[in-house]
Amino acid sequence: MKVWYDACTGKHVRYGVAIARRLRADGHKVIVTTRSHPDTVKLAEYLGEKVQVVGKYSPSTKTSKLKESLRRQSLLFKLFEENPPTIAVSHQSVELCRLAFGLGIPIIATHDSPHAEAVNRLTLPLTDVVVVSKAIPPEVLLKYGVRKIQSFDGVDEVSWIKSFHETVCFDYPRPMIVVRQMETKAVYAEGKQDLTEIIAKKLSGLGTVVFLTRYERKKRKNLIVPKGFVDSVSLAAQADLVVSVGGTIAREAALLGTPSIVVFPFGYSYVNDYLSKKGFPLYTVKVEEVLDYAKRLLGRKFDVKPLLKELEDPVEVIARLVKELEK
């Protein structure tokens, strides 16, 4: 079968590559598309995945977001008009869901962000199956009119962390603390203050702070800001501590045994709490508690390999669903 995966962010690329490799092993043809975005094209190249770049991310205003999304839908329609895929898979790509729904193509979506209401409203009602961690209660999804929920005992990041091998070595002075800047351009971040740079500067007294920015690479006093592409998973694996607002890198670090401190400004995170309860080193704290937790956690690494083996890989769930849809 011909399967289409659309990746809109760096996380989507990692997920899409894991899914594509698994489905190709089953004999399926997989086409991966993405958009021009700071976290997509370079990562796809690094992972060795040939992607078709269609459109771009234009987050400066709501008007620019909508205009580019509509343009991208049109470009994707032209790409698949004559030879459409059999199944469409994504981590809630708005453009994929709208196009696939319009063409009558079955949609499999993954989901881990109940706080992303705008994307949820635009995608979940159109999907045929939502593959989601059992950490997220069904009622969170059912309110969007989701037709079928396929739960798994794990988190999305398991799909690429289980097979992760370090291919790059960072020589930053120790201890190395990685701070990931908050996603400030997303709709769900509107009205939220980005405290990550303030936190990073406070932590600089404890060690070398590598500040992973989102959309620009300007220098910051007492912080290291990588100028180009960095494999953030390798960085998290080698770090002594990772601090973020609780996104993908927080769970990647915890799954690799690196202590991860989270300051989550978007309400409760089901998947983060799930990993904490499983015994992974992920700690959700208040802003004023970050420094104390950092002092306690620096210098500690956790052997989580036995815990990781117990978690279910969502890629296997998706492979089974594709096989069912093939019948």
C-alpha atoms as a PDB file:
ATOM      1  CA  MET A   1       0.000   0.000   0.000  1.00  0.00           C
ATOM      2  CA  LYS A   2       0.960   3.609  -0.470  1.00  0.00           C
ATOM      3  CA  VAL A   3       1.166   5.399   2.886  1.00  0.00           C
ATOM      4  CA  TRP A   4       1.576   9.147   3.274  1.00  0.00           C
ATOM      5  CA  TYR A   5       3.122  10.672   6.398  1.00  0.00           C
ATOM      6  CA  ASP A   6       3.222  14.461   6.837  1.00  0.00           C
ATOM      7  CA  ALA A   7       5.701  15.908   9.361  1.00  0.00           C
ATOM      8  CA  CYS A   8       5.198  19.482  10.535  1.00  0.00           C
ATOM      9  CA  THR A   9       7.793  19.701  13.346  1.00  0.00           C
ATOM     10  CA  GLY A  10      10.989  18.016  14.452  1.00  0.00           C
ATOM     11  CA  LYS A  11       9.097  15.575  16.651  1.00  0.00           C
ATOM     12  CA  HIS A  12       6.898  14.655  13.685  1.00  0.00           C
ATOM     13  CA  VAL A  13      10.014  13.957  11.611  1.00  0.00           C
ATOM     14  CA  ARG A  14      11.448  11.548  14.192  1.00  0.00           C
ATOM     15  CA  TYR A  15       8.059   9.853  14.542  1.00  0.00           C
ATOM     16  CA  GLY A  16       7.538   9.734  10.788  1.00  0.00           C
ATOM     17  CA  VAL A  17      10.950   8.210  10.109  1.00  0.00           C
ATOM     18  CA  ALA A  18      10.313   5.495  12.720  1.00  0.00           C
ATOM     19  CA  ILE A  19       6.904   4.752  11.188  1.00  0.00           C
ATOM     20  CA  ALA A  20       8.225   4.828   7.608  1.00  0.00           C
ATOM     21  CA  ARG A  21      11.032   2.381   8.361  1.00  0.00           C
ATOM     22  CA  ARG A  22       8.647  -0.029  10.061  1.00  0.00           C
ATOM     23  CA  LEU A  23       6.037   0.092   7.306  1.00  0.00           C
ATOM     24  CA  ARG A  24       8.640  -0.274   4.559  1.00  0.00           C
ATOM     25  CA  ALA A  25       9.825  -3.419   6.317  1.00  0.00           C
ATOM     26  CA  ASP A  26       6.273  -4.722   5.785  1.00  0.00           C
ATOM     27  CA  GLY A  27       6.506  -3.942   2.079  1.00  0.00           C
ATOM     28  CA  HIS A  28       4.562  -0.683   2.006  1.00  0.00           C
ATOM     29  CA  LYS A  29       5.586   2.359   0.003  1.00  0.00           C
ATOM     30  CA  VAL A  30       5.860   5.365   2.305  1.00  0.00           C
ATOM     31  CA  ILE A  31       6.050   8.983   1.183  1.00  0.00           C
ATOM     32  CA  VAL A  32       7.135  11.513   3.812  1.00  0.00           C
ATOM     33  CA  THR A  33       6.339  15.177   3.299  1.00  0.00           C
ATOM     34  CA  THR A  34       7.297  18.104   5.504  1.00  0.00           C
ATOM     35  CA  ARG A  35       7.337  21.873   5.450  1.00  0.00           C
ATOM     36  CA  SER A  36      10.195  24.341   5.658  1.00  0.00           C
ATOM     37  CA  HIS A  37      10.661  24.775   9.419  1.00  0.00           C
ATOM     38  CA  PRO A  38      13.728  25.218  11.692  1.00  0.00           C
ATOM     39  CA  ASP A  39      13.331  21.683  13.079  1.00  0.00           C
ATOM     40  CA  THR A  40      12.344  19.587  10.056  1.00  0.00           C
ATOM     41  CA  VAL A  41      14.486  19.506   6.922  1.00  0.00           C
ATOM     42  CA  LYS A  42      17.918  19.344   8.591  1.00  0.00           C
ATOM     43  CA  LEU A  43      16.716  16.633  10.959  1.00  0.00           C
ATOM     44  CA  ALA A  44      15.315  14.557   8.095  1.00  0.00           C
ATOM     45  CA  GLU A  45      18.661  14.815   6.321  1.00  0.00           C
ATOM     46  CA  TYR A  46      20.480  13.805   9.503  1.00  0.00           C
ATOM     47  CA  LEU A  47      18.235  10.759   9.896  1.00  0.00           C
ATOM     48  CA  GLY A  48      18.760   9.792   6.263  1.00  0.00           C
ATOM     49  CA  GLU A  49      15.132  10.215   5.224  1.00  0.00           C
ATOM     50  CA  LYS A  50      14.339  11.674   1.811  1.00  0.00           C
ATOM     51  CA  VAL A  51      11.399  14.005   2.290  1.00  0.00           C
ATOM     52  CA  GLN A  52       9.392  16.177  -0.047  1.00  0.00           C
ATOM     53  CA  VAL A  53       9.340  19.735   1.262  1.00  0.00           C
ATOM     54  CA  VAL A  54       5.943  21.288   0.603  1.00  0.00           C
ATOM     55  CA  GLY A  55       5.230  24.793   1.848  1.00  0.00           C
ATOM     56  CA  LYS A  56       6.607  26.477   4.928  1.00  0.00           C
ATOM     57  CA  TYR A  57       5.804  27.422   8.498  1.00  0.00           C
ATOM     58  CA  SER A  58       4.842  31.108   8.722  1.00  0.00           C
ATOM     59  CA  PRO A  59       3.940  31.816  12.364  1.00  0.00           C
ATOM     60  CA  SER A  60       4.277  35.608  12.537  1.00  0.00           C
ATOM     61  CA  THR A  61       0.504  36.266  12.601  1.00  0.00           C
ATOM     62  CA  LYS A  62      -2.760  34.328  12.530  1.00  0.00           C
ATOM     63  CA  THR A  63      -3.290  35.599   8.992  1.00  0.00           C
ATOM     64  CA  SER A  64       0.098  34.329   7.831  1.00  0.00           C
ATOM     65  CA  LYS A  65      -0.511  30.941   9.481  1.00  0.00           C
ATOM     66  CA  LEU A  66      -3.873  30.538   7.788  1.00  0.00           C
ATOM     67  CA  LYS A  67      -2.643  31.781   4.405  1.00  0.00           C
ATOM     68  CA  GLU A  68       0.320  29.397   4.372  1.00  0.00           C
ATOM     69  CA  SER A  69      -1.774  26.473   5.600  1.00  0.00           C
ATOM     70  CA  LEU A  70      -4.276  26.990   2.759  1.00  0.00           C
ATOM     71  CA  ARG A  71      -1.438  27.340   0.259  1.00  0.00           C
ATOM     72  CA  ARG A  72       0.132  24.160   1.564  1.00  0.00           C
ATOM     73  CA  GLN A  73      -3.144  22.249   1.246  1.00  0.00           C
ATOM     74  CA  SER A  74      -3.342  23.315  -2.380  1.00  0.00           C
ATOM     75  CA  LEU A  75       0.236  22.213  -3.071  1.00  0.00           C
ATOM     76  CA  LEU A  76      -0.321  18.846  -1.392  1.00  0.00           C
ATOM     77  CA  PHE A  77      -3.520  18.376  -3.387  1.00  0.00           C
ATOM     78  CA  LYS A  78      -1.587  18.880  -6.617  1.00  0.00           C
ATOM     79  CA  LEU A  79       1.013  16.370  -5.406  1.00  0.00           C
ATOM     80  CA  PHE A  80      -1.548  13.638  -4.765  1.00  0.00           C
ATOM     81  CA  GLU A  81      -4.423  14.527  -7.115  1.00  0.00           C
ATOM     82  CA  GLU A  82      -3.520  11.972  -9.789  1.00  0.00           C
ATOM     83  CA  ASN A  83      -2.031   9.304  -7.525  1.00  0.00           C
ATOM     84  CA  PRO A  84      -3.429   9.563  -3.986  1.00  0.00           C
ATOM     85  CA  PRO A  85      -2.137   7.477  -1.052  1.00  0.00           C
ATOM     86  CA  THR A  86      -4.087   4.561   0.386  1.00  0.00           C
ATOM     87  CA  ILE A  87      -3.646   5.638   4.013  1.00  0.00           C
ATOM     88  CA  ALA A  88      -2.585   8.921   5.625  1.00  0.00           C
ATOM     89  CA  VAL A  89      -0.716   9.071   8.939  1.00  0.00           C
ATOM     90  CA  SER A  90       0.427  12.064  10.967  1.00  0.00           C
ATOM     91  CA  HIS A  91       0.815  13.590  14.393  1.00  0.00           C
ATOM     92  CA  GLN A  92      -2.256  15.732  13.707  1.00  0.00           C
ATOM     93  CA  SER A  93      -1.072  17.571  10.622  1.00  0.00           C
ATOM     94  CA  VAL A  94      -3.862  20.038   9.812  1.00  0.00           C
ATOM     95  CA  GLU A  95      -3.119  19.954   6.083  1.00  0.00           C
ATOM     96  CA  LEU A  96      -2.938  16.160   5.881  1.00  0.00           C
ATOM     97  CA  CYS A  97      -6.199  15.691   7.775  1.00  0.00           C
ATOM     98  CA  ARG A  98      -8.115  18.163   5.640  1.00  0.00           C
ATOM     99  CA  LEU A  99      -6.769  16.820   2.348  1.00  0.00           C
ATOM    100  CA  ALA A 100      -7.088  13.132   3.209  1.00  0.00           C
ATOM    101  CA  PHE A 101     -10.610  13.626   4.542  1.00  0.00           C
ATOM    102  CA  GLY A 102     -11.614  15.436   1.361  1.00  0.00           C
ATOM    103  CA  LEU A 103     -10.203  12.632  -0.793  1.00  0.00           C
ATOM    104  CA  GLY A 104     -11.773   9.889   1.311  1.00  0.00           C
ATOM    105  CA  ILE A 105      -8.437   8.486   2.508  1.00  0.00           C
ATOM    106  CA  PRO A 106      -8.408   6.752   5.929  1.00  0.00           C
ATOM    107  CA  ILE A 107      -6.528   8.799   8.535  1.00  0.00           C
ATOM    108  CA  ILE A 108      -4.468   7.515  11.453  1.00  0.00           C
ATOM    109  CA  ALA A 109      -3.425  10.237  13.872  1.00  0.00           C
ATOM    110  CA  THR A 110      -1.181  10.183  16.916  1.00  0.00           C
ATOM    111  CA  HIS A 111      -1.850  12.565  19.786  1.00  0.00           C
ATOM    112  CA  ASP A 112      -0.277  13.671  23.063  1.00  0.00           C
ATOM    113  CA  SER A 113      -1.246  17.340  23.499  1.00  0.00           C
ATOM    114  CA  PRO A 114      -4.713  17.919  24.990  1.00  0.00           C
ATOM    115  CA  HIS A 115      -3.717  21.569  25.553  1.00  0.00           C
ATOM    116  CA  ALA A 116      -3.363  22.181  21.769  1.00  0.00           C
ATOM    117  CA  GLU A 117      -7.062  22.914  21.364  1.00  0.00           C
ATOM    118  CA  ALA A 118      -6.902  24.643  17.984  1.00  0.00           C
ATOM    119  CA  VAL A 119      -5.071  21.748  16.306  1.00  0.00           C
ATOM    120  CA  ASN A 120      -7.284  19.230  18.090  1.00  0.00           C
ATOM    121  CA  ARG A 121     -10.448  20.900  16.776  1.00  0.00           C
ATOM    122  CA  LEU A 122      -9.071  21.004  13.235  1.00  0.00           C
ATOM    123  CA  THR A 123      -7.844  17.406  13.078  1.00  0.00           C
ATOM    124  CA  LEU A 124      -9.362  14.952  15.551  1.00  0.00           C
ATOM    125  CA  PRO A 125     -12.935  15.083  14.193  1.00  0.00           C
ATOM    126  CA  LEU A 126     -11.602  14.057  10.761  1.00  0.00           C
ATOM    127  CA  THR A 127      -9.521  11.065  11.843  1.00  0.00           C
ATOM    128  CA  ASP A 128     -10.540   7.429  11.595  1.00  0.00           C
ATOM    129  CA  VAL A 129      -8.281   6.188  14.392  1.00  0.00           C
ATOM    130  CA  VAL A 130      -6.366   8.077  17.071  1.00  0.00           C
ATOM    131  CA  VAL A 131      -3.342   6.260  18.497  1.00  0.00           C
ATOM    132  CA  VAL A 132      -2.732   7.619  21.978  1.00  0.00           C
ATOM    133  CA  SER A 133      -0.948   6.811  25.217  1.00  0.00           C
ATOM    134  CA  LYS A 134      -3.147   5.141  27.821  1.00  0.00           C
ATOM    135  CA  ALA A 135      -2.080   8.024  30.069  1.00  0.00           C
ATOM    136  CA  ILE A 136      -4.614  10.253  28.315  1.00  0.00           C
ATOM    137  CA  PRO A 137      -8.230   9.595  29.397  1.00  0.00           C
ATOM    138  CA  PRO A 138     -10.657   8.788  26.546  1.00  0.00           C
ATOM    139  CA  GLU A 139     -12.973  11.643  27.512  1.00  0.00           C
ATOM    140  CA  VAL A 140     -10.238  14.125  26.580  1.00  0.00           C
ATOM    141  CA  LEU A 141     -10.536  12.931  22.973  1.00  0.00           C
ATOM    142  CA  LEU A 142     -14.206  12.011  22.781  1.00  0.00           C
ATOM    143  CA  LYS A 143     -15.271  15.626  23.234  1.00  0.00           C
ATOM    144  CA  TYR A 144     -13.809  16.275  19.748  1.00  0.00           C
ATOM    145  CA  GLY A 145     -15.956  13.590  18.158  1.00  0.00           C
ATOM    146  CA  VAL A 146     -13.163  11.029  17.798  1.00  0.00           C
ATOM    147  CA  ARG A 147     -14.556   7.830  16.261  1.00  0.00           C
ATOM    148  CA  LYS A 148     -11.996   5.254  17.382  1.00  0.00           C
ATOM    149  CA  ILE A 149      -9.273   5.352  20.038  1.00  0.00           C
ATOM    150  CA  GLN A 150      -6.389   2.879  20.038  1.00  0.00           C
ATOM    151  CA  SER A 151      -4.477   3.168  23.313  1.00  0.00           C
ATOM    152  CA  PHE A 152      -0.979   1.872  24.005  1.00  0.00           C
ATOM    153  CA  ASP A 153       1.021   1.478  27.203  1.00  0.00           C
ATOM    154  CA  GLY A 154       3.805   3.958  26.531  1.00  0.00           C
ATOM    155  CA  VAL A 155       4.490   7.420  25.099  1.00  0.00           C
ATOM    156  CA  ASP A 156       5.206   8.560  21.534  1.00  0.00           C
ATOM    157  CA  GLU A 157       8.917   9.074  22.140  1.00  0.00           C
ATOM    158  CA  VAL A 158       9.437   5.346  22.819  1.00  0.00           C
ATOM    159  CA  SER A 159       9.214   4.767  19.054  1.00  0.00           C
ATOM    160  CA  TRP A 160      12.607   6.373  18.408  1.00  0.00           C
ATOM    161  CA  ILE A 161      14.302   6.146  21.807  1.00  0.00           C
ATOM    162  CA  LYS A 162      14.174   2.325  21.939  1.00  0.00           C
ATOM    163  CA  SER A 163      16.395   2.101  18.873  1.00  0.00           C
ATOM    164  CA  PHE A 164      18.489   5.199  19.611  1.00  0.00           C
ATOM    165  CA  HIS A 165      22.271   5.029  19.282  1.00  0.00           C
ATOM    166  CA  GLU A 166      24.550   8.017  19.789  1.00  0.00           C
ATOM    167  CA  THR A 167      26.338   9.029  16.606  1.00  0.00           C
ATOM    168  CA  VAL A 168      27.740  12.370  17.737  1.00  0.00           C
ATOM    169  CA  CYS A 169      29.738  13.425  20.792  1.00  0.00           C
ATOM    170  CA  PHE A 170      29.496  16.870  22.392  1.00  0.00           C
ATOM    171  CA  ASP A 171      32.533  18.259  24.187  1.00  0.00           C
ATOM    172  CA  TYR A 172      30.901  21.010  26.216  1.00  0.00           C
ATOM    173  CA  PRO A 173      32.422  21.481  29.696  1.00  0.00           C
ATOM    174  CA  ARG A 174      30.733  19.521  32.500  1.00  0.00           C
ATOM    175  CA  PRO A 175      28.297  19.580  34.092  1.00  0.00           C
ATOM    176  CA  MET A 176      26.204  20.199  30.976  1.00  0.00           C
ATOM    177  CA  ILE A 177      22.663  21.507  31.396  1.00  0.00           C
ATOM    178  CA  VAL A 178      20.373  21.642  28.377  1.00  0.00           C
ATOM    179  CA  VAL A 179      17.497  24.128  28.435  1.00  0.00           C
ATOM    180  CA  ARG A 180      14.941  24.018  25.624  1.00  0.00           C
ATOM    181  CA  GLN A 181      13.196  27.277  24.802  1.00  0.00           C
ATOM    182  CA  MET A 182       9.409  27.273  25.020  1.00  0.00           C
ATOM    183  CA  GLU A 183       7.434  27.017  21.786  1.00  0.00           C
ATOM    184  CA  THR A 184       6.278  30.631  21.629  1.00  0.00           C
ATOM    185  CA  LYS A 185       4.645  30.662  18.181  1.00  0.00           C
ATOM    186  CA  ALA A 186       1.992  28.000  18.780  1.00  0.00           C
ATOM    187  CA  VAL A 187      -1.614  29.068  19.343  1.00  0.00           C
ATOM    188  CA  TYR A 188      -1.646  27.332  22.728  1.00  0.00           C
ATOM    189  CA  ALA A 189       1.274  29.534  23.864  1.00  0.00           C
ATOM    190  CA  GLU A 190      -0.552  32.821  23.265  1.00  0.00           C
ATOM    191  CA  GLY A 191      -0.524  34.936  26.408  1.00  0.00           C
ATOM    192  CA  LYS A 192       2.055  32.694  28.122  1.00  0.00           C
ATOM    193  CA  GLN A 193       5.339  34.150  29.339  1.00  0.00           C
ATOM    194  CA  ASP A 194       8.463  32.358  28.168  1.00  0.00           C
ATOM    195  CA  LEU A 195      10.548  31.901  31.304  1.00  0.00           C
ATOM    196  CA  THR A 196      13.052  29.473  29.833  1.00  0.00           C
ATOM    197  CA  GLU A 197      15.774  32.040  29.133  1.00  0.00           C
ATOM    198  CA  ILE A 198      15.469  33.445  32.650  1.00  0.00           C
ATOM    199  CA  ILE A 199      15.726  29.913  34.049  1.00  0.00           C
ATOM    200  CA  ALA A 200      18.711  29.152  31.809  1.00  0.00           C
ATOM    201  CA  LYS A 201      20.638  32.175  33.067  1.00  0.00           C
ATOM    202  CA  LYS A 202      19.947  31.237  36.692  1.00  0.00           C
ATOM    203  CA  LEU A 203      21.254  27.727  36.026  1.00  0.00           C
ATOM    204  CA  SER A 204      24.461  29.043  34.417  1.00  0.00           C
ATOM    205  CA  GLY A 205      25.985  29.286  37.878  1.00  0.00           C
ATOM    206  CA  LEU A 206      25.779  25.506  38.200  1.00  0.00           C
ATOM    207  CA  GLY A 207      27.463  24.503  34.953  1.00  0.00           C
ATOM    208  CA  THR A 208      27.546  24.932  31.184  1.00  0.00           C
ATOM    209  CA  VAL A 209      24.073  25.767  29.893  1.00  0.00           C
ATOM    210  CA  VAL A 210      23.256  24.888  26.303  1.00  0.00           C
ATOM    211  CA  PHE A 211      20.188  26.934  25.351  1.00  0.00           C
ATOM    212  CA  LEU A 212      18.268  25.377  22.447  1.00  0.00           C
ATOM    213  CA  THR A 213      16.333  28.193  20.819  1.00  0.00           C
ATOM    214  CA  ARG A 214      13.385  27.805  18.465  1.00  0.00           C
ATOM    215  CA  TYR A 215      13.497  30.384  15.693  1.00  0.00           C
ATOM    216  CA  GLU A 216      16.690  32.441  16.040  1.00  0.00           C
ATOM    217  CA  ARG A 217      20.285  31.829  17.098  1.00  0.00           C
ATOM    218  CA  LYS A 218      21.404  35.107  18.660  1.00  0.00           C
ATOM    219  CA  LYS A 219      24.068  34.990  21.358  1.00  0.00           C
ATOM    220  CA  ARG A 220      23.146  35.137  25.043  1.00  0.00           C
ATOM    221  CA  LYS A 221      25.500  36.076  27.856  1.00  0.00           C
ATOM    222  CA  ASN A 222      26.669  33.062  29.898  1.00  0.00           C
ATOM    223  CA  LEU A 223      24.752  30.661  27.642  1.00  0.00           C
ATOM    224  CA  ILE A 224      25.808  28.492  24.711  1.00  0.00           C
ATOM    225  CA  VAL A 225      23.421  28.866  21.772  1.00  0.00           C
ATOM    226  CA  PRO A 226      24.247  26.379  18.974  1.00  0.00           C
ATOM    227  CA  LYS A 227      24.418  28.163  15.646  1.00  0.00           C
ATOM    228  CA  GLY A 228      23.192  25.337  13.448  1.00  0.00           C
ATOM    229  CA  PHE A 229      21.453  21.989  13.593  1.00  0.00           C
ATOM    230  CA  VAL A 230      21.966  19.917  16.741  1.00  0.00           C
ATOM    231  CA  ASP A 231      20.743  16.386  17.312  1.00  0.00           C
ATOM    232  CA  SER A 232      18.776  17.177  20.441  1.00  0.00           C
ATOM    233  CA  VAL A 233      18.314  13.502  21.377  1.00  0.00           C
ATOM    234  CA  SER A 234      22.075  12.912  21.451  1.00  0.00           C
ATOM    235  CA  LEU A 235      22.442  16.141  23.407  1.00  0.00           C
ATOM    236  CA  ALA A 236      19.808  15.041  25.930  1.00  0.00           C
ATOM    237  CA  ALA A 237      21.460  11.629  26.255  1.00  0.00           C
ATOM    238  CA  GLN A 238      24.838  13.189  27.084  1.00  0.00           C
ATOM    239  CA  ALA A 239      23.519  16.012  29.261  1.00  0.00           C
ATOM    240  CA  ASP A 240      23.716  15.975  33.034  1.00  0.00           C
ATOM    241  CA  LEU A 241      20.320  17.684  33.253  1.00  0.00           C
ATOM    242  CA  VAL A 242      17.555  18.782  30.879  1.00  0.00           C
ATOM    243  CA  VAL A 243      15.145  21.611  31.692  1.00  0.00           C
ATOM    244  CA  SER A 244      12.101  22.513  29.592  1.00  0.00           C
ATOM    245  CA  VAL A 245       8.426  23.367  29.680  1.00  0.00           C
ATOM    246  CA  GLY A 246       7.587  19.703  29.292  1.00  0.00           C
ATOM    247  CA  GLY A 247       7.630  18.976  25.599  1.00  0.00           C
ATOM    248  CA  THR A 248       9.273  16.199  23.638  1.00  0.00           C
ATOM    249  CA  ILE A 249      12.804  16.726  24.929  1.00  0.00           C
ATOM    250  CA  ALA A 250      11.633  16.304  28.525  1.00  0.00           C
ATOM    251  CA  ARG A 251      10.369  12.803  27.829  1.00  0.00           C
ATOM    252  CA  GLU A 252      13.289  11.898  25.552  1.00  0.00           C
ATOM    253  CA  ALA A 253      15.732  12.780  28.322  1.00  0.00           C
ATOM    254  CA  ALA A 254      13.819  10.847  30.978  1.00  0.00           C
ATOM    255  CA  LEU A 255      13.567   7.777  28.730  1.00  0.00           C
ATOM    256  CA  LEU A 256      17.356   7.948  28.288  1.00  0.00           C
ATOM    257  CA  GLY A 257      18.001   8.198  32.024  1.00  0.00           C
ATOM    258  CA  THR A 258      18.907  11.898  32.082  1.00  0.00           C
ATOM    259  CA  PRO A 259      17.108  13.791  34.869  1.00  0.00           C
ATOM    260  CA  SER A 260      14.514  16.112  33.373  1.00  0.00           C
ATOM    261  CA  ILE A 261      12.977  19.121  35.107  1.00  0.00           C
ATOM    262  CA  VAL A 262       9.708  20.423  33.721  1.00  0.00           C
ATOM    263  CA  VAL A 263       7.977  23.739  34.275  1.00  0.00           C
ATOM    264  CA  PHE A 264       4.668  23.152  32.497  1.00  0.00           C
ATOM    265  CA  PRO A 265       2.653  26.347  31.861  1.00  0.00           C
ATOM    266  CA  PHE A 266      -0.203  24.741  29.917  1.00  0.00           C
ATOM    267  CA  GLY A 267      -2.019  22.900  32.691  1.00  0.00           C
ATOM    268  CA  TYR A 268      -1.684  19.218  33.521  1.00  0.00           C
ATOM    269  CA  SER A 269       0.415  16.902  31.335  1.00  0.00           C
ATOM    270  CA  TYR A 270      -0.914  13.344  31.365  1.00  0.00           C
ATOM    271  CA  VAL A 271       2.053  11.828  29.554  1.00  0.00           C
ATOM    272  CA  ASN A 272       4.664  13.517  31.739  1.00  0.00           C
ATOM    273  CA  ASP A 273       2.902  12.408  34.912  1.00  0.00           C
ATOM    274  CA  TYR A 274       2.599   8.898  33.471  1.00  0.00           C
ATOM    275  CA  LEU A 275       6.365   8.625  32.981  1.00  0.00           C
ATOM    276  CA  SER A 276       7.067  10.009  36.445  1.00  0.00           C
ATOM    277  CA  LYS A 277       4.804   7.416  38.035  1.00  0.00           C
ATOM    278  CA  LYS A 278       6.531   4.689  36.008  1.00  0.00           C
ATOM    279  CA  GLY A 279       9.804   5.646  37.689  1.00  0.00           C
ATOM    280  CA  PHE A 280      11.484   7.702  34.967  1.00  0.00           C
ATOM    281  CA  PRO A 281      13.459  10.764  36.178  1.00  0.00           C
ATOM    282  CA  LEU A 282      10.977  13.444  35.113  1.00  0.00           C
ATOM    283  CA  TYR A 283      10.100  16.103  37.698  1.00  0.00           C
ATOM    284  CA  THR A 284       7.384  18.715  37.251  1.00  0.00           C
ATOM    285  CA  VAL A 285       8.119  21.679  39.505  1.00  0.00           C
ATOM    286  CA  LYS A 286       7.283  25.335  40.068  1.00  0.00           C
ATOM    287  CA  VAL A 287       9.580  27.981  38.588  1.00  0.00           C
ATOM    288  CA  GLU A 288      10.917  28.915  42.004  1.00  0.00           C
ATOM    289  CA  GLU A 289      11.859  25.272  42.664  1.00  0.00           C
ATOM    290  CA  VAL A 290      13.988  24.703  39.557  1.00  0.00           C
ATOM    291  CA  LEU A 291      17.311  25.747  41.086  1.00  0.00           C
ATOM    292  CA  ASP A 292      16.925  23.530  44.157  1.00  0.00           C
ATOM    293  CA  TYR A 293      15.923  20.524  42.053  1.00  0.00           C
ATOM    294  CA  ALA A 294      18.838  21.171  39.689  1.00  0.00           C
ATOM    295  CA  LYS A 295      21.324  21.149  42.561  1.00  0.00           C
ATOM    296  CA  ARG A 296      19.921  17.847  43.812  1.00  0.00           C
ATOM    297  CA  LEU A 297      19.813  16.138  40.409  1.00  0.00           C
ATOM    298  CA  LEU A 298      23.102  17.271  38.858  1.00  0.00           C
ATOM    299  CA  GLY A 299      25.589  14.422  38.738  1.00  0.00           C
ATOM    300  CA  ARG A 300      22.937  11.714  38.800  1.00  0.00           C
ATOM    301  CA  LYS A 301      22.141   9.377  35.917  1.00  0.00           C
ATOM    302  CA  PHE A 302      19.416   6.755  36.064  1.00  0.00           C
ATOM    303  CA  ASP A 303      19.399   3.235  34.667  1.00  0.00           C
ATOM    304  CA  VAL A 304      15.972   3.136  33.021  1.00  0.00           C
ATOM    305  CA  LYS A 305      16.620   0.433  30.425  1.00  0.00           C
ATOM    306  CA  PRO A 306      14.469  -2.160  32.267  1.00  0.00           C
ATOM    307  CA  LEU A 307      11.632   0.377  32.520  1.00  0.00           C
ATOM    308  CA  LEU A 308      11.960   1.328  28.851  1.00  0.00           C
ATOM    309  CA  LYS A 309      11.665  -2.306  27.772  1.00  0.00           C
ATOM    310  CA  GLU A 310       8.292  -2.519  29.493  1.00  0.00           C
ATOM    311  CA  LEU A 311       6.793   0.312  27.447  1.00  0.00           C
ATOM    312  CA  GLU A 312       4.812  -0.364  24.290  1.00  0.00           C
ATOM    313  CA  ASP A 313       6.056   1.019  20.980  1.00  0.00           C
ATOM    314  CA  PRO A 314       3.261   2.965  19.215  1.00  0.00           C
ATOM    315  CA  VAL A 315       4.845   2.251  15.828  1.00  0.00           C
ATOM    316  CA  GLU A 316       3.891  -1.407  16.251  1.00  0.00           C
ATOM    317  CA  VAL A 317       0.312  -0.345  16.960  1.00  0.00           C
ATOM    318  CA  ILE A 318       0.281   1.759  13.784  1.00  0.00           C
ATOM    319  CA  ALA A 319       1.743  -1.121  11.753  1.00  0.00           C
ATOM    320  CA  ARG A 320      -1.100  -3.372  12.943  1.00  0.00           C
ATOM    321  CA  LEU A 321      -3.701  -0.745  12.091  1.00  0.00           C
ATOM    322  CA  VAL A 322      -2.278  -0.336   8.575  1.00  0.00           C
ATOM    323  CA  LYS A 323      -2.449  -4.102   8.121  1.00  0.00           C
ATOM    324  CA  GLU A 324      -6.077  -4.098   9.247  1.00  0.00           C
ATOM    325  CA  LEU A 325      -6.953  -1.282   6.883  1.00  0.00           C
ATOM    326  CA  GLU A 326      -5.192  -3.138   4.074  1.00  0.00           C
ATOM    327  CA  LYS A 327      -7.625  -6.016   4.486  1.00  0.00           C
END
